[in-house]
C-alpha cells in the first residue's frame, strides 16, 4: 500500500467543544477531511501530519492527540438529475415519470427530473409523495416585471421545484449567458430556497489549449464573488465538458475526477467544510454502462443526465449505479 502525506499547516475550519474539522491534500490532489478529538495541544501547535494509507484510515500524529481520522470523502450521497432539455410532451411526461417511479425500488441515490417549463406542474403532481425531486432547466435573473418570456425563482418554488439548473453550456453558447449573469441567477434561486445546479465546463478547444482549470475556476469564482463561498453548501455543481455533451464522447474517469478534484480543491481554498459537503456531478454522455465507474471516483457525486434521462430504463440504470 502506498503512502501519501497530507500537507502540514492544514487549515483549521472550526472548533466545537473538543472537535476540530480541517482539510488537507495528498500528493495526488485528493481531498481529505480530518476530525481531531481532545486536541487542545494541537490547537496550540496549529499543525497536523497525517498519513493516508490506501485511501483508508491512518493514524500518525503528535503526542497529545487522543484520536484522529483522515477520511477521503465524507458521506455525500449520489445525485442523479435528468435534464430533459427541449423534449417531451404531456403524454411523454406522464409515461416517463410513471416509468421512473415504477423502477425506484432499491435505488438509494437521490433522484431528480427537470422537464421543460410547460410540464412542471404535471410533473409535480405525478411526483407528489415520491422520493424523486423536481427541477427546472433555467430561471430568470429578475423577480418580476416587464420581462416577457421569463420565469422567476418564486414561480418555480410555487410550482414545486426543488432544483434549478443554471449555467448550462447550451445557455452559455446559444444565449450568450456570461458568468456574472449566471451568478445573479444563482442568488435568485437561493433567495427562494431553490437549490441551484450550477454548470461549468470547458470546450474542446479550451481543453486542447490546456486551459480547462482556468476556465472552470473563472466560472466558479464568479458565483463565489457574487454569493459567497458559504452559499455553495446549499447548491450542487455540475462539471460538464462541453465536448462530451450529446457527442457520444465521454471524459475518462481519470479526466473527470481530475477536474472534480480541482473544483473541490478551489472551494476548499475558501472553506474546506463547504468543499466536502457540496455535491459535484458529472455531465457528459453518462450512460448505464459507464455510470458506475464514474460514480466510483472520490469527487464525482452523481450525474446530470441528458439524452439517457428520456428513457426510463436507461435513467434508472444510471440511478442504480449510484447504489
C-alpha atoms as a PDB file:
ATOM      1  CA  UNK A   1       0.000   0.000   0.000  1.00  0.00           C
ATOM      2  CA  UNK A   2       1.336   3.388  -0.922  1.00  0.00           C
ATOM      3  CA  UNK A   3       1.622   6.293   1.457  1.00  0.00           C
ATOM      4  CA  UNK A   4       0.719   9.910   0.782  1.00  0.00           C
ATOM      5  CA  UNK A   5       1.402  12.633   3.297  1.00  0.00           C
ATOM      6  CA  UNK A   6      -1.133  15.385   3.892  1.00  0.00           C
ATOM      7  CA  UNK A   7       0.230  18.901   3.971  1.00  0.00           C
ATOM      8  CA  UNK A   8       1.282  20.388   7.271  1.00  0.00           C
ATOM      9  CA  UNK A   9      -0.268  23.651   8.478  1.00  0.00           C
ATOM     10  CA  UNK A  10      -3.618  22.276   7.361  1.00  0.00           C
ATOM     11  CA  UNK A  11      -6.475  24.734   7.558  1.00  0.00           C
ATOM     12  CA  UNK A  12      -8.390  24.868  10.802  1.00  0.00           C
ATOM     13  CA  UNK A  13     -12.050  25.239   9.925  1.00  0.00           C
ATOM     14  CA  UNK A  14     -13.756  25.485  13.285  1.00  0.00           C
ATOM     15  CA  UNK A  15     -13.862  24.377  16.872  1.00  0.00           C
ATOM     16  CA  UNK A  16     -16.874  22.800  18.516  1.00  0.00           C
ATOM     17  CA  UNK A  17     -16.148  21.621  22.059  1.00  0.00           C
ATOM     18  CA  UNK A  18     -13.077  19.437  21.614  1.00  0.00           C
ATOM     19  CA  UNK A  19     -13.707  18.508  17.973  1.00  0.00           C
ATOM     20  CA  UNK A  20     -11.929  20.241  15.109  1.00  0.00           C
ATOM     21  CA  UNK A  21     -12.577  19.740  11.398  1.00  0.00           C
ATOM     22  CA  UNK A  22      -9.887  20.507   8.872  1.00  0.00           C
ATOM     23  CA  UNK A  23      -8.760  19.922   5.325  1.00  0.00           C
ATOM     24  CA  UNK A  24      -5.609  18.718   3.654  1.00  0.00           C
ATOM     25  CA  UNK A  25      -4.436  17.308   0.348  1.00  0.00           C
ATOM     26  CA  UNK A  26      -2.250  14.392  -0.531  1.00  0.00           C
ATOM     27  CA  UNK A  27       0.315  14.243  -3.307  1.00  0.00           C
ATOM     28  CA  UNK A  28      -2.310  13.112  -5.797  1.00  0.00           C
ATOM     29  CA  UNK A  29      -4.547  16.107  -5.006  1.00  0.00           C
ATOM     30  CA  UNK A  30      -7.186  14.014  -3.310  1.00  0.00           C
ATOM     31  CA  UNK A  31      -9.226  15.907  -0.751  1.00  0.00           C
ATOM     32  CA  UNK A  32      -9.247  14.696   2.828  1.00  0.00           C
ATOM     33  CA  UNK A  33     -11.174  15.763   5.880  1.00  0.00           C
ATOM     34  CA  UNK A  34      -9.824  15.145   9.335  1.00  0.00           C
ATOM     35  CA  UNK A  35     -11.552  15.193  12.684  1.00  0.00           C
ATOM     36  CA  UNK A  36      -9.481  15.580  15.820  1.00  0.00           C
ATOM     37  CA  UNK A  37     -10.918  14.888  19.257  1.00  0.00           C
ATOM     38  CA  UNK A  38      -9.467  16.139  22.545  1.00  0.00           C
ATOM     39  CA  UNK A  39      -6.960  18.148  20.579  1.00  0.00           C
ATOM     40  CA  UNK A  40      -6.142  21.055  22.868  1.00  0.00           C
ATOM     41  CA  UNK A  41      -2.405  20.591  22.356  1.00  0.00           C
ATOM     42  CA  UNK A  42      -2.883  20.544  18.599  1.00  0.00           C
ATOM     43  CA  UNK A  43      -4.804  23.797  18.761  1.00  0.00           C
ATOM     44  CA  UNK A  44      -1.654  25.324  20.208  1.00  0.00           C
ATOM     45  CA  UNK A  45       0.700  23.700  17.707  1.00  0.00           C
ATOM     46  CA  UNK A  46      -1.505  24.541  14.726  1.00  0.00           C
ATOM     47  CA  UNK A  47      -0.273  21.704  12.615  1.00  0.00           C
ATOM     48  CA  UNK A  48      -1.104  18.169  11.739  1.00  0.00           C
ATOM     49  CA  UNK A  49       0.861  15.493   9.975  1.00  0.00           C
ATOM     50  CA  UNK A  50      -1.363  12.700   8.759  1.00  0.00           C
ATOM     51  CA  UNK A  51      -0.553   9.727   6.617  1.00  0.00           C
ATOM     52  CA  UNK A  52      -3.219   8.306   4.343  1.00  0.00           C
ATOM     53  CA  UNK A  53      -2.779   4.637   3.513  1.00  0.00           C
ATOM     54  CA  UNK A  54      -4.575   3.096   0.535  1.00  0.00           C
ATOM     55  CA  UNK A  55      -7.468   5.620   0.676  1.00  0.00           C
ATOM     56  CA  UNK A  56      -8.262   4.288   4.127  1.00  0.00           C
ATOM     57  CA  UNK A  57      -7.862   5.323   7.736  1.00  0.00           C
ATOM     58  CA  UNK A  58      -4.497   6.185   9.194  1.00  0.00           C
ATOM     59  CA  UNK A  59      -3.151   7.438  12.477  1.00  0.00           C
ATOM     60  CA  UNK A  60       0.171   9.211  12.896  1.00  0.00           C
ATOM     61  CA  UNK A  61       0.051  12.340  14.997  1.00  0.00           C
ATOM     62  CA  UNK A  62       1.986  14.273  17.635  1.00  0.00           C
ATOM     63  CA  UNK A  63       1.584  13.441  21.298  1.00  0.00           C
ATOM     64  CA  UNK A  64      -1.463  14.933  22.952  1.00  0.00           C
ATOM     65  CA  UNK A  65      -3.943  13.885  20.279  1.00  0.00           C
ATOM     66  CA  UNK A  66      -6.194  11.130  21.517  1.00  0.00           C
ATOM     67  CA  UNK A  67      -7.818  10.256  18.205  1.00  0.00           C
ATOM     68  CA  UNK A  68      -7.558  11.267  14.574  1.00  0.00           C
ATOM     69  CA  UNK A  69      -9.187  10.048  11.398  1.00  0.00           C
ATOM     70  CA  UNK A  70      -8.145  11.165   7.926  1.00  0.00           C
ATOM     71  CA  UNK A  71     -11.037  10.475   5.582  1.00  0.00           C
ATOM     72  CA  UNK A  72     -11.020  10.516   1.805  1.00  0.00           C
ATOM     73  CA  UNK A  73     -14.594  11.636   1.493  1.00  0.00           C
ATOM     74  CA  UNK A  74     -17.492  12.493   3.717  1.00  0.00           C
ATOM     75  CA  UNK A  75     -20.749  10.682   3.120  1.00  0.00           C
ATOM     76  CA  UNK A  76     -22.041  12.730   0.225  1.00  0.00           C
ATOM     77  CA  UNK A  77     -24.970  10.986  -1.404  1.00  0.00           C
ATOM     78  CA  UNK A  78     -25.018  10.314  -5.120  1.00  0.00           C
ATOM     79  CA  UNK A  79     -27.438  12.573  -7.001  1.00  0.00           C
ATOM     80  CA  UNK A  80     -28.733  11.713 -10.472  1.00  0.00           C
ATOM     81  CA  UNK A  81     -30.632  14.554 -12.146  1.00  0.00           C
ATOM     82  CA  UNK A  82     -32.301  14.198 -15.540  1.00  0.00           C
ATOM     83  CA  UNK A  83     -32.197  17.252 -17.811  1.00  0.00           C
ATOM     84  CA  UNK A  84     -34.874  16.672 -20.450  1.00  0.00           C
ATOM     85  CA  UNK A  85     -33.885  19.797 -22.407  1.00  0.00           C
ATOM     86  CA  UNK A  86     -36.311  20.698 -25.246  1.00  0.00           C
ATOM     87  CA  UNK A  87     -38.014  17.328 -25.319  1.00  0.00           C
ATOM     88  CA  UNK A  88     -41.235  15.569 -24.235  1.00  0.00           C
ATOM     89  CA  UNK A  89     -44.962  16.196 -24.446  1.00  0.00           C
ATOM     90  CA  UNK A  90     -47.825  15.830 -21.993  1.00  0.00           C
ATOM     91  CA  UNK A  91     -48.084  12.155 -22.861  1.00  0.00           C
ATOM     92  CA  UNK A  92     -44.314  11.651 -22.757  1.00  0.00           C
ATOM     93  CA  UNK A  93     -44.072  13.327 -19.364  1.00  0.00           C
ATOM     94  CA  UNK A  94     -46.668  11.032 -17.857  1.00  0.00           C
ATOM     95  CA  UNK A  95     -45.170   7.875 -19.325  1.00  0.00           C
ATOM     96  CA  UNK A  96     -41.597   8.764 -18.412  1.00  0.00           C
ATOM     97  CA  UNK A  97     -42.288   9.789 -14.840  1.00  0.00           C
ATOM     98  CA  UNK A  98     -44.519   6.794 -14.200  1.00  0.00           C
ATOM     99  CA  UNK A  99     -41.816   4.552 -15.639  1.00  0.00           C
ATOM    100  CA  UNK A 100     -39.187   6.088 -13.372  1.00  0.00           C
ATOM    101  CA  UNK A 101     -41.362   5.814 -10.278  1.00  0.00           C
ATOM    102  CA  UNK A 102     -42.148   2.183 -11.042  1.00  0.00           C
ATOM    103  CA  UNK A 103     -38.446   1.338 -11.015  1.00  0.00           C
ATOM    104  CA  UNK A 104     -37.320   3.283  -7.944  1.00  0.00           C
ATOM    105  CA  UNK A 105     -37.422   0.334  -5.534  1.00  0.00           C
ATOM    106  CA  UNK A 106     -33.901  -0.359  -4.399  1.00  0.00           C
ATOM    107  CA  UNK A 107     -32.489   2.943  -5.685  1.00  0.00           C
ATOM    108  CA  UNK A 108     -30.571   4.646  -2.876  1.00  0.00           C
ATOM    109  CA  UNK A 109     -29.316   7.638  -4.861  1.00  0.00           C
ATOM    110  CA  UNK A 110     -31.050  10.982  -4.760  1.00  0.00           C
ATOM    111  CA  UNK A 111     -33.013  11.419  -7.985  1.00  0.00           C
ATOM    112  CA  UNK A 112     -34.446  14.459  -9.772  1.00  0.00           C
ATOM    113  CA  UNK A 113     -36.094  15.193 -13.118  1.00  0.00           C
ATOM    114  CA  UNK A 114     -36.043  18.541 -14.909  1.00  0.00           C
ATOM    115  CA  UNK A 115     -38.755  18.742 -17.600  1.00  0.00           C
ATOM    116  CA  UNK A 116     -39.448  21.797 -19.799  1.00  0.00           C
ATOM    117  CA  UNK A 117     -41.421  24.623 -18.181  1.00  0.00           C
ATOM    118  CA  UNK A 118     -44.882  23.686 -19.567  1.00  0.00           C
ATOM    119  CA  UNK A 119     -44.754  20.264 -17.921  1.00  0.00           C
ATOM    120  CA  UNK A 120     -43.529  21.273 -14.468  1.00  0.00           C
ATOM    121  CA  UNK A 121     -46.983  21.343 -12.870  1.00  0.00           C
ATOM    122  CA  UNK A 122     -47.900  17.997 -14.416  1.00  0.00           C
ATOM    123  CA  UNK A 123     -44.600  16.532 -13.226  1.00  0.00           C
ATOM    124  CA  UNK A 124     -45.117  17.958  -9.760  1.00  0.00           C
ATOM    125  CA  UNK A 125     -48.491  16.253  -9.485  1.00  0.00           C
ATOM    126  CA  UNK A 126     -47.109  12.933 -10.740  1.00  0.00           C
ATOM    127  CA  UNK A 127     -44.168  13.064  -8.328  1.00  0.00           C
ATOM    128  CA  UNK A 128     -46.235  14.035  -5.304  1.00  0.00           C
ATOM    129  CA  UNK A 129     -45.432  11.760  -2.380  1.00  0.00           C
ATOM    130  CA  UNK A 130     -42.415  10.170  -4.083  1.00  0.00           C
ATOM    131  CA  UNK A 131     -38.716  10.486  -3.350  1.00  0.00           C
ATOM    132  CA  UNK A 132     -37.988  11.929  -6.817  1.00  0.00           C
ATOM    133  CA  UNK A 133     -37.486  15.680  -6.780  1.00  0.00           C
ATOM    134  CA  UNK A 134     -38.473  18.216  -9.410  1.00  0.00           C
ATOM    135  CA  UNK A 135     -36.155  20.704 -11.072  1.00  0.00           C
ATOM    136  CA  UNK A 136     -36.348  23.442 -13.680  1.00  0.00           C
ATOM    137  CA  UNK A 137     -33.910  23.909 -16.537  1.00  0.00           C
ATOM    138  CA  UNK A 138     -33.479  27.654 -16.176  1.00  0.00           C
ATOM    139  CA  UNK A 139     -34.585  30.723 -14.220  1.00  0.00           C
ATOM    140  CA  UNK A 140     -34.744  34.477 -14.691  1.00  0.00           C
ATOM    141  CA  UNK A 141     -32.324  36.859 -13.048  1.00  0.00           C
ATOM    142  CA  UNK A 142     -35.330  39.067 -12.261  1.00  0.00           C
ATOM    143  CA  UNK A 143     -38.023  38.762  -9.616  1.00  0.00           C
ATOM    144  CA  UNK A 144     -40.936  40.222 -11.602  1.00  0.00           C
ATOM    145  CA  UNK A 145     -41.848  42.965 -14.033  1.00  0.00           C
ATOM    146  CA  UNK A 146     -41.802  43.615 -17.771  1.00  0.00           C
ATOM    147  CA  UNK A 147     -39.583  40.701 -18.781  1.00  0.00           C
ATOM    148  CA  UNK A 148     -41.512  38.866 -21.470  1.00  0.00           C
ATOM    149  CA  UNK A 149     -40.983  35.118 -21.520  1.00  0.00           C
ATOM    150  CA  UNK A 150     -39.121  34.962 -18.214  1.00  0.00           C
ATOM    151  CA  UNK A 151     -39.858  32.673 -15.255  1.00  0.00           C
ATOM    152  CA  UNK A 152     -38.802  33.728 -11.757  1.00  0.00           C
ATOM    153  CA  UNK A 153     -37.453  31.652  -8.907  1.00  0.00           C
ATOM    154  CA  UNK A 154     -40.579  32.483  -6.880  1.00  0.00           C
ATOM    155  CA  UNK A 155     -42.683  30.898  -9.626  1.00  0.00           C
ATOM    156  CA  UNK A 156     -40.512  27.785  -9.577  1.00  0.00           C
ATOM    157  CA  UNK A 157     -40.800  27.237  -5.837  1.00  0.00           C
ATOM    158  CA  UNK A 158     -44.550  27.781  -6.005  1.00  0.00           C
ATOM    159  CA  UNK A 159     -44.899  25.091  -8.637  1.00  0.00           C
ATOM    160  CA  UNK A 160     -42.892  22.628  -6.561  1.00  0.00           C
ATOM    161  CA  UNK A 161     -39.338  22.854  -7.902  1.00  0.00           C
ATOM    162  CA  UNK A 162     -36.548  21.762  -5.592  1.00  0.00           C
ATOM    163  CA  UNK A 163     -33.696  22.356  -8.070  1.00  0.00           C
ATOM    164  CA  UNK A 164     -32.947  24.878 -10.790  1.00  0.00           C
ATOM    165  CA  UNK A 165     -30.283  24.347 -13.458  1.00  0.00           C
ATOM    166  CA  UNK A 166     -28.193  27.397 -14.317  1.00  0.00           C
ATOM    167  CA  UNK A 167     -25.095  27.980 -16.410  1.00  0.00           C
ATOM    168  CA  UNK A 168     -25.596  25.028 -18.739  1.00  0.00           C
ATOM    169  CA  UNK A 169     -23.193  25.181 -21.669  1.00  0.00           C
ATOM    170  CA  UNK A 170     -26.098  25.442 -24.109  1.00  0.00           C
ATOM    171  CA  UNK A 171     -27.338  28.564 -22.324  1.00  0.00           C
ATOM    172  CA  UNK A 172     -23.819  29.981 -22.314  1.00  0.00           C
ATOM    173  CA  UNK A 173     -23.211  29.218 -26.003  1.00  0.00           C
ATOM    174  CA  UNK A 174     -26.608  29.795 -27.645  1.00  0.00           C
ATOM    175  CA  UNK A 175     -27.950  32.606 -25.470  1.00  0.00           C
ATOM    176  CA  UNK A 176     -24.715  34.391 -24.559  1.00  0.00           C
ATOM    177  CA  UNK A 177     -25.196  33.983 -20.801  1.00  0.00           C
ATOM    178  CA  UNK A 178     -21.995  35.102 -19.122  1.00  0.00           C
ATOM    179  CA  UNK A 179     -20.574  34.286 -15.709  1.00  0.00           C
ATOM    180  CA  UNK A 180     -21.948  37.407 -13.986  1.00  0.00           C
ATOM    181  CA  UNK A 181     -25.442  36.790 -15.358  1.00  0.00           C
ATOM    182  CA  UNK A 182     -25.366  33.180 -14.170  1.00  0.00           C
ATOM    183  CA  UNK A 183     -24.144  34.266 -10.739  1.00  0.00           C
ATOM    184  CA  UNK A 184     -27.159  36.564 -10.407  1.00  0.00           C
ATOM    185  CA  UNK A 185     -29.448  33.645 -11.255  1.00  0.00           C
ATOM    186  CA  UNK A 186     -27.726  31.596  -8.567  1.00  0.00           C
ATOM    187  CA  UNK A 187     -28.569  34.242  -5.970  1.00  0.00           C
ATOM    188  CA  UNK A 188     -32.196  34.485  -7.140  1.00  0.00           C
ATOM    189  CA  UNK A 189     -32.705  30.732  -6.807  1.00  0.00           C
ATOM    190  CA  UNK A 190     -31.278  30.572  -3.312  1.00  0.00           C
ATOM    191  CA  UNK A 191     -33.347  33.559  -2.204  1.00  0.00           C
ATOM    192  CA  UNK A 192     -36.426  31.412  -2.870  1.00  0.00           C
ATOM    193  CA  UNK A 193     -34.950  28.231  -1.355  1.00  0.00           C
ATOM    194  CA  UNK A 194     -34.491  26.564  -4.735  1.00  0.00           C
ATOM    195  CA  UNK A 195     -31.229  24.607  -4.895  1.00  0.00           C
ATOM    196  CA  UNK A 196     -29.074  25.741  -7.835  1.00  0.00           C
ATOM    197  CA  UNK A 197     -27.406  23.151 -10.035  1.00  0.00           C
ATOM    198  CA  UNK A 198     -24.507  25.280 -11.258  1.00  0.00           C
ATOM    199  CA  UNK A 199     -22.999  24.004 -14.504  1.00  0.00           C
ATOM    200  CA  UNK A 200     -19.465  24.685 -15.647  1.00  0.00           C
ATOM    201  CA  UNK A 201     -17.024  23.222 -18.120  1.00  0.00           C
ATOM    202  CA  UNK A 202     -14.649  23.756 -21.000  1.00  0.00           C
ATOM    203  CA  UNK A 203     -14.944  23.439 -24.775  1.00  0.00           C
ATOM    204  CA  UNK A 204     -12.778  21.054 -26.785  1.00  0.00           C
ATOM    205  CA  UNK A 205     -10.655  23.974 -27.968  1.00  0.00           C
ATOM    206  CA  UNK A 206     -10.080  25.102 -24.387  1.00  0.00           C
ATOM    207  CA  UNK A 207      -9.133  21.591 -23.288  1.00  0.00           C
ATOM    208  CA  UNK A 208      -6.677  21.237 -26.165  1.00  0.00           C
ATOM    209  CA  UNK A 209      -5.118  24.561 -25.190  1.00  0.00           C
ATOM    210  CA  UNK A 210      -4.635  23.270 -21.652  1.00  0.00           C
ATOM    211  CA  UNK A 211      -6.796  25.950 -20.006  1.00  0.00           C
ATOM    212  CA  UNK A 212      -9.521  23.713 -18.533  1.00  0.00           C
ATOM    213  CA  UNK A 213      -8.725  24.684 -14.945  1.00  0.00           C
ATOM    214  CA  UNK A 214      -8.575  28.378 -15.802  1.00  0.00           C
ATOM    215  CA  UNK A 215     -11.992  28.242 -17.480  1.00  0.00           C
ATOM    216  CA  UNK A 216     -13.632  26.302 -14.671  1.00  0.00           C
ATOM    217  CA  UNK A 217     -12.042  28.488 -11.992  1.00  0.00           C
ATOM    218  CA  UNK A 218     -13.372  31.637 -13.669  1.00  0.00           C
ATOM    219  CA  UNK A 219     -16.885  30.216 -13.863  1.00  0.00           C
ATOM    220  CA  UNK A 220     -16.788  29.111 -10.232  1.00  0.00           C
ATOM    221  CA  UNK A 221     -15.205  32.287  -8.894  1.00  0.00           C
ATOM    222  CA  UNK A 222     -17.950  34.454 -10.402  1.00  0.00           C
ATOM    223  CA  UNK A 223     -20.518  32.740  -8.174  1.00  0.00           C
ATOM    224  CA  UNK A 224     -18.285  32.842  -5.100  1.00  0.00           C
ATOM    225  CA  UNK A 225     -17.735  36.561  -5.600  1.00  0.00           C
ATOM    226  CA  UNK A 226     -21.473  37.230  -6.024  1.00  0.00           C
ATOM    227  CA  UNK A 227     -22.931  34.869  -3.423  1.00  0.00           C
ATOM    228  CA  UNK A 228     -20.045  33.980  -1.098  1.00  0.00           C
ATOM    229  CA  UNK A 229     -18.475  30.557  -0.744  1.00  0.00           C
ATOM    230  CA  UNK A 230     -20.868  29.536   2.046  1.00  0.00           C
ATOM    231  CA  UNK A 231     -23.711  29.602  -0.480  1.00  0.00           C
ATOM    232  CA  UNK A 232     -22.184  26.595  -2.241  1.00  0.00           C
ATOM    233  CA  UNK A 233     -23.033  24.446   0.774  1.00  0.00           C
ATOM    234  CA  UNK A 234     -26.657  24.701  -0.334  1.00  0.00           C
ATOM    235  CA  UNK A 235     -26.012  24.173  -4.019  1.00  0.00           C
ATOM    236  CA  UNK A 236     -24.966  21.468  -6.473  1.00  0.00           C
ATOM    237  CA  UNK A 237     -22.193  21.828  -9.048  1.00  0.00           C
ATOM    238  CA  UNK A 238     -22.210  20.006 -12.370  1.00  0.00           C
ATOM    239  CA  UNK A 239     -18.993  19.710 -14.352  1.00  0.00           C
ATOM    240  CA  UNK A 240     -19.869  19.221 -17.997  1.00  0.00           C
ATOM    241  CA  UNK A 241     -17.049  19.123 -20.539  1.00  0.00           C
ATOM    242  CA  UNK A 242     -18.793  20.763 -23.479  1.00  0.00           C
ATOM    243  CA  UNK A 243     -17.065  18.469 -25.955  1.00  0.00           C
ATOM    244  CA  UNK A 244     -18.692  15.428 -24.312  1.00  0.00           C
ATOM    245  CA  UNK A 245     -22.307  16.656 -24.263  1.00  0.00           C
ATOM    246  CA  UNK A 246     -24.507  14.848 -26.749  1.00  0.00           C
ATOM    247  CA  UNK A 247     -21.495  13.794 -28.812  1.00  0.00           C
ATOM    248  CA  UNK A 248     -21.161  10.249 -27.550  1.00  0.00           C
ATOM    249  CA  UNK A 249     -17.705  11.206 -26.285  1.00  0.00           C
ATOM    250  CA  UNK A 250     -17.166  10.872 -22.560  1.00  0.00           C
ATOM    251  CA  UNK A 251     -14.299  12.089 -20.454  1.00  0.00           C
ATOM    252  CA  UNK A 252     -12.378   9.204 -18.958  1.00  0.00           C
ATOM    253  CA  UNK A 253     -12.965   8.629 -15.284  1.00  0.00           C
ATOM    254  CA  UNK A 254      -9.486   9.995 -14.666  1.00  0.00           C
ATOM    255  CA  UNK A 255     -10.152  13.168 -16.689  1.00  0.00           C
ATOM    256  CA  UNK A 256     -13.453  13.756 -14.916  1.00  0.00           C
ATOM    257  CA  UNK A 257     -12.009  13.070 -11.459  1.00  0.00           C
ATOM    258  CA  UNK A 258      -9.121  15.430 -12.104  1.00  0.00           C
ATOM    259  CA  UNK A 259     -11.443  18.368 -12.789  1.00  0.00           C
ATOM    260  CA  UNK A 260     -13.849  17.459  -9.986  1.00  0.00           C
ATOM    261  CA  UNK A 261     -10.939  17.340  -7.547  1.00  0.00           C
ATOM    262  CA  UNK A 262      -9.744  20.711  -8.833  1.00  0.00           C
ATOM    263  CA  UNK A 263     -13.191  22.247  -8.253  1.00  0.00           C
ATOM    264  CA  UNK A 264     -13.348  20.857  -4.718  1.00  0.00           C
ATOM    265  CA  UNK A 265      -9.800  21.991  -4.022  1.00  0.00           C
ATOM    266  CA  UNK A 266     -10.569  25.519  -5.187  1.00  0.00           C
ATOM    267  CA  UNK A 267     -13.631  25.724  -2.946  1.00  0.00           C
ATOM    268  CA  UNK A 268     -11.578  24.327  -0.069  1.00  0.00           C
ATOM    269  CA  UNK A 269      -9.199  27.229  -0.506  1.00  0.00           C
ATOM    270  CA  UNK A 270     -12.067  29.361   0.818  1.00  0.00           C
ATOM    271  CA  UNK A 271     -13.834  26.897   3.124  1.00  0.00           C
ATOM    272  CA  UNK A 272     -12.938  23.228   3.493  1.00  0.00           C
ATOM    273  CA  UNK A 273     -16.196  22.255   5.162  1.00  0.00           C
ATOM    274  CA  UNK A 274     -18.193  23.618   2.239  1.00  0.00           C
ATOM    275  CA  UNK A 275     -15.899  21.842  -0.209  1.00  0.00           C
ATOM    276  CA  UNK A 276     -16.520  18.486   1.408  1.00  0.00           C
ATOM    277  CA  UNK A 277     -20.278  18.997   1.603  1.00  0.00           C
ATOM    278  CA  UNK A 278     -21.064  20.159  -1.927  1.00  0.00           C
ATOM    279  CA  UNK A 279     -22.141  17.523  -4.447  1.00  0.00           C
ATOM    280  CA  UNK A 280     -20.247  17.752  -7.743  1.00  0.00           C
ATOM    281  CA  UNK A 281     -21.971  15.945 -10.599  1.00  0.00           C
ATOM    282  CA  UNK A 282     -20.525  14.874 -13.915  1.00  0.00           C
ATOM    283  CA  UNK A 283     -22.457  15.703 -17.079  1.00  0.00           C
ATOM    284  CA  UNK A 284     -21.263  14.449 -20.437  1.00  0.00           C
ATOM    285  CA  UNK A 285     -22.818  11.426 -22.152  1.00  0.00           C
ATOM    286  CA  UNK A 286     -23.329   9.439 -18.938  1.00  0.00           C
ATOM    287  CA  UNK A 287     -24.952   6.094 -19.714  1.00  0.00           C
ATOM    288  CA  UNK A 288     -25.866   2.964 -17.740  1.00  0.00           C
ATOM    289  CA  UNK A 289     -22.685   1.227 -18.893  1.00  0.00           C
ATOM    290  CA  UNK A 290     -20.259   3.938 -17.725  1.00  0.00           C
ATOM    291  CA  UNK A 291     -22.090   5.457 -14.753  1.00  0.00           C
ATOM    292  CA  UNK A 292     -20.785   3.078 -12.091  1.00  0.00           C
ATOM    293  CA  UNK A 293     -17.113   3.652 -12.866  1.00  0.00           C
ATOM    294  CA  UNK A 294     -17.621   7.433 -12.959  1.00  0.00           C
ATOM    295  CA  UNK A 295     -19.562   7.480  -9.690  1.00  0.00           C
ATOM    296  CA  UNK A 296     -16.870   5.365  -8.030  1.00  0.00           C
ATOM    297  CA  UNK A 297     -14.411   8.257  -8.218  1.00  0.00           C
ATOM    298  CA  UNK A 298     -14.000  10.042  -4.863  1.00  0.00           C
ATOM    299  CA  UNK A 299     -15.010  13.509  -6.075  1.00  0.00           C
ATOM    300  CA  UNK A 300     -17.787  12.532  -8.516  1.00  0.00           C
ATOM    301  CA  UNK A 301     -21.076  12.634  -6.641  1.00  0.00           C
ATOM    302  CA  UNK A 302     -23.502  11.682  -9.400  1.00  0.00           C
ATOM    303  CA  UNK A 303     -24.534  12.871 -12.813  1.00  0.00           C
ATOM    304  CA  UNK A 304     -26.508  15.494 -14.701  1.00  0.00           C
ATOM    305  CA  UNK A 305     -28.027  13.302 -17.380  1.00  0.00           C
ATOM    306  CA  UNK A 306     -29.194  14.478 -20.804  1.00  0.00           C
ATOM    307  CA  UNK A 307     -30.271  12.053 -23.517  1.00  0.00           C
ATOM    308  CA  UNK A 308     -30.293   8.986 -21.288  1.00  0.00           C
ATOM    309  CA  UNK A 309     -32.822  10.663 -18.982  1.00  0.00           C
ATOM    310  CA  UNK A 310     -35.501  10.447 -21.686  1.00  0.00           C
ATOM    311  CA  UNK A 311     -35.789   6.663 -21.396  1.00  0.00           C
ATOM    312  CA  UNK A 312     -36.929   5.350 -18.032  1.00  0.00           C
ATOM    313  CA  UNK A 313     -34.909   2.138 -18.333  1.00  0.00           C
ATOM    314  CA  UNK A 314     -31.660   3.958 -19.125  1.00  0.00           C
ATOM    315  CA  UNK A 315     -32.214   6.601 -16.475  1.00  0.00           C
ATOM    316  CA  UNK A 316     -32.976   4.010 -13.838  1.00  0.00           C
ATOM    317  CA  UNK A 317     -29.846   2.098 -14.836  1.00  0.00           C
ATOM    318  CA  UNK A 318     -27.803   5.208 -14.105  1.00  0.00           C
ATOM    319  CA  UNK A 319     -29.660   5.804 -10.833  1.00  0.00           C
ATOM    320  CA  UNK A 320     -28.947   2.229  -9.759  1.00  0.00           C
ATOM    321  CA  UNK A 321     -25.254   2.798 -10.436  1.00  0.00           C
ATOM    322  CA  UNK A 322     -25.415   5.294  -7.587  1.00  0.00           C
ATOM    323  CA  UNK A 323     -26.077   2.484  -5.139  1.00  0.00           C
END
